Every structure is written in C-alpha cells, then in structure tokens.
Amino acid sequence: METIEKPKRRKATQARPKQPVVSLESLVYEVMDGQPLYYRGYKDVLAGKKTAEEIMGSSSLPVRSR
C-alpha cells in the first residue's frame, strides 16, 4: 500500500501591529536660530524601537505657581 504525503503547511506568522507613522515635526523640542532641536532618542522613534510618547518624558511632580 502506498502512502500519500500531505503537503506541508506553513506556520502562520503573527502579524506585527503596525507602528503609527510619526512625523519628524512632532519630534522637535524647540527651534533655535532656525535649526530644530529634537528630543533625545528621536532616532529610536524613527527606527521603530520606541514610541514618541516614550521619549517625550513627563513629570509626575505638580507644578507650583509662585
């Protein structure tokens, strides 16, 4: 009796969630003398290693008005 080989199925690859597109203008901290100063780590955001929220930092300390 002959055995029939079943075709091998490919394993389903998990689709990565798409990174939202970040504009370079949103990563500008300040413009000084016409030159943009970017947040530290902006290259990691462009490479998809971090999110824009991760590099923009926030303070949990309340701001006191004098």
N, C-alpha and C. Protein backbone atom coordinates (compact mmCIF):
# COMPACT_ATOMS: atom_id res chain seq x y z
N MET A 1 0.84 -1.16 0.00
CA MET A 1 0.00 0.00 0.00
C MET A 1 0.89 1.24 0.00
N GLU A 2 0.55 2.18 -0.85
CA GLU A 2 1.34 3.41 -0.95
C GLU A 2 0.83 4.45 0.03
N THR A 3 1.78 5.21 0.58
CA THR A 3 1.37 6.31 1.45
C THR A 3 1.47 7.61 0.67
N ILE A 4 0.48 8.42 0.85
CA ILE A 4 0.47 9.71 0.16
C ILE A 4 0.92 10.77 1.15
N GLU A 5 1.93 11.50 0.75
CA GLU A 5 2.44 12.56 1.62
C GLU A 5 1.56 13.79 1.50
N LYS A 6 1.19 14.30 2.64
CA LYS A 6 0.41 15.52 2.65
C LYS A 6 1.35 16.71 2.47
N PRO A 7 0.89 17.72 1.74
CA PRO A 7 1.76 18.90 1.60
C PRO A 7 1.92 19.58 2.96
N LYS A 8 3.13 20.03 3.21
CA LYS A 8 3.42 20.68 4.49
C LYS A 8 2.80 22.06 4.51
N ARG A 9 2.19 22.36 5.62
CA ARG A 9 1.60 23.68 5.79
C ARG A 9 2.61 24.62 6.42
N ARG A 10 2.57 25.83 5.96
CA ARG A 10 3.43 26.84 6.57
C ARG A 10 2.82 27.27 7.88
N LYS A 11 3.68 27.54 8.83
CA LYS A 11 3.19 28.06 10.10
C LYS A 11 2.71 29.48 9.88
N ALA A 12 1.61 29.78 10.48
CA ALA A 12 1.07 31.13 10.35
C ALA A 12 1.96 32.09 11.12
N THR A 13 2.43 33.09 10.42
CA THR A 13 3.26 34.10 11.09
C THR A 13 2.34 35.12 11.72
N GLN A 14 2.73 35.54 12.88
CA GLN A 14 1.91 36.52 13.57
C GLN A 14 2.20 37.89 12.97
N ALA A 15 1.14 38.55 12.60
CA ALA A 15 1.29 39.89 12.03
C ALA A 15 1.65 40.86 13.15
N ARG A 16 2.68 41.63 12.90
CA ARG A 16 3.09 42.64 13.88
C ARG A 16 2.12 43.81 13.80
N PRO A 17 1.79 44.38 14.94
CA PRO A 17 0.96 45.57 14.86
C PRO A 17 1.74 46.69 14.19
N LYS A 18 1.10 47.38 13.29
CA LYS A 18 1.80 48.43 12.57
C LYS A 18 2.08 49.61 13.48
N GLN A 19 3.29 50.12 13.36
CA GLN A 19 3.67 51.30 14.13
C GLN A 19 3.03 52.51 13.49
N PRO A 20 2.43 53.38 14.27
CA PRO A 20 1.89 54.59 13.68
C PRO A 20 3.01 55.44 13.10
N VAL A 21 2.74 56.06 12.00
CA VAL A 21 3.75 56.89 11.35
C VAL A 21 3.90 58.17 12.17
N VAL A 22 5.15 58.49 12.49
CA VAL A 22 5.45 59.68 13.30
C VAL A 22 6.09 60.70 12.39
N SER A 23 5.56 61.91 12.42
CA SER A 23 6.16 62.96 11.60
C SER A 23 7.37 63.53 12.33
N LEU A 24 8.33 63.95 11.57
CA LEU A 24 9.56 64.49 12.14
C LEU A 24 9.27 65.79 12.90
N GLU A 25 8.27 66.54 12.45
CA GLU A 25 7.93 67.79 13.12
C GLU A 25 7.43 67.56 14.54
N SER A 26 6.81 66.40 14.78
CA SER A 26 6.30 66.14 16.13
C SER A 26 7.41 65.79 17.11
N LEU A 27 8.61 65.53 16.60
CA LEU A 27 9.73 65.18 17.47
C LEU A 27 10.63 66.38 17.75
N VAL A 28 10.22 67.57 17.31
CA VAL A 28 11.01 68.78 17.55
C VAL A 28 10.69 69.31 18.94
N TYR A 29 11.72 69.49 19.74
CA TYR A 29 11.56 70.02 21.09
C TYR A 29 11.47 71.54 21.04
N GLU A 30 12.36 72.15 20.26
CA GLU A 30 12.44 73.61 20.19
C GLU A 30 13.17 73.97 18.90
N VAL A 31 12.90 75.15 18.37
CA VAL A 31 13.63 75.66 17.22
C VAL A 31 14.49 76.82 17.71
N MET A 32 15.81 76.69 17.50
CA MET A 32 16.73 77.72 17.95
C MET A 32 17.55 78.19 16.76
N ASP A 33 17.51 79.48 16.50
CA ASP A 33 18.21 80.08 15.36
C ASP A 33 17.83 79.39 14.05
N GLY A 34 16.57 79.02 13.93
CA GLY A 34 16.09 78.39 12.70
C GLY A 34 16.42 76.91 12.57
N GLN A 35 17.13 76.35 13.53
CA GLN A 35 17.50 74.93 13.49
C GLN A 35 16.65 74.15 14.49
N PRO A 36 16.06 73.04 14.08
CA PRO A 36 15.25 72.26 15.02
C PRO A 36 16.13 71.49 16.00
N LEU A 37 15.71 71.48 17.25
CA LEU A 37 16.35 70.65 18.27
C LEU A 37 15.36 69.52 18.57
N TYR A 38 15.80 68.29 18.34
CA TYR A 38 14.92 67.14 18.50
C TYR A 38 15.03 66.56 19.90
N TYR A 39 13.98 65.86 20.31
CA TYR A 39 14.02 65.15 21.57
C TYR A 39 15.14 64.11 21.53
N ARG A 40 15.75 63.85 22.69
CA ARG A 40 16.77 62.82 22.77
C ARG A 40 16.08 61.48 22.49
N GLY A 41 16.67 60.68 21.62
CA GLY A 41 16.10 59.39 21.29
C GLY A 41 15.18 59.42 20.08
N TYR A 42 15.17 60.54 19.34
CA TYR A 42 14.28 60.62 18.19
C TYR A 42 14.63 59.60 17.12
N LYS A 43 15.91 59.22 17.05
CA LYS A 43 16.31 58.21 16.06
C LYS A 43 15.71 56.85 16.38
N ASP A 44 15.56 56.55 17.68
CA ASP A 44 14.92 55.30 18.08
C ASP A 44 13.45 55.27 17.67
N VAL A 45 12.80 56.43 17.71
CA VAL A 45 11.40 56.52 17.28
C VAL A 45 11.31 56.28 15.78
N LEU A 46 12.20 56.90 15.04
CA LEU A 46 12.18 56.72 13.59
C LEU A 46 12.51 55.30 13.18
N ALA A 47 13.33 54.61 14.00
CA ALA A 47 13.68 53.22 13.71
C ALA A 47 12.59 52.25 14.17
N GLY A 48 11.62 52.75 14.94
CA GLY A 48 10.53 51.91 15.41
C GLY A 48 10.83 51.18 16.71
N LYS A 49 11.92 51.55 17.38
CA LYS A 49 12.29 50.89 18.63
C LYS A 49 11.51 51.45 19.83
N LYS A 50 11.12 52.71 19.74
CA LYS A 50 10.39 53.37 20.82
C LYS A 50 9.23 54.15 20.23
N THR A 51 8.32 54.56 21.10
CA THR A 51 7.23 55.42 20.66
C THR A 51 7.58 56.86 20.98
N ALA A 52 6.89 57.78 20.34
CA ALA A 52 7.14 59.19 20.58
C ALA A 52 6.84 59.55 22.03
N GLU A 53 5.84 58.91 22.61
CA GLU A 53 5.48 59.20 24.00
C GLU A 53 6.58 58.78 24.96
N GLU A 54 7.32 57.73 24.61
CA GLU A 54 8.38 57.26 25.50
C GLU A 54 9.54 58.25 25.59
N ILE A 55 9.84 58.94 24.51
CA ILE A 55 11.00 59.84 24.56
C ILE A 55 10.63 61.24 24.99
N MET A 56 9.35 61.60 24.95
CA MET A 56 8.97 62.97 25.29
C MET A 56 8.91 63.22 26.78
N GLY A 57 8.96 62.21 27.58
CA GLY A 57 9.05 62.38 29.02
C GLY A 57 7.96 63.25 29.62
N SER A 58 7.63 62.92 30.81
CA SER A 58 6.65 63.73 31.53
C SER A 58 7.03 63.70 32.99
N SER A 59 6.59 64.69 33.70
CA SER A 59 6.90 64.78 35.10
C SER A 59 5.66 64.46 35.91
N SER A 60 5.83 63.68 36.94
CA SER A 60 4.70 63.37 37.80
C SER A 60 4.60 64.38 38.95
N LEU A 61 5.58 65.28 39.02
CA LEU A 61 5.56 66.29 40.07
C LEU A 61 4.64 67.44 39.68
N PRO A 62 3.82 67.88 40.61
CA PRO A 62 2.95 69.01 40.28
C PRO A 62 3.75 70.31 40.16
N VAL A 63 3.30 71.17 39.31
CA VAL A 63 3.97 72.45 39.11
C VAL A 63 3.36 73.45 40.09
N ARG A 64 4.22 74.11 40.85
CA ARG A 64 3.76 75.10 41.82
C ARG A 64 3.84 76.48 41.20
N SER A 65 2.82 77.23 41.37
CA SER A 65 2.88 78.63 40.90
C SER A 65 3.29 79.50 42.08
N ARG A 66 4.10 80.47 41.82
CA ARG A 66 4.60 81.32 42.90
C ARG A 66 3.86 82.60 42.95
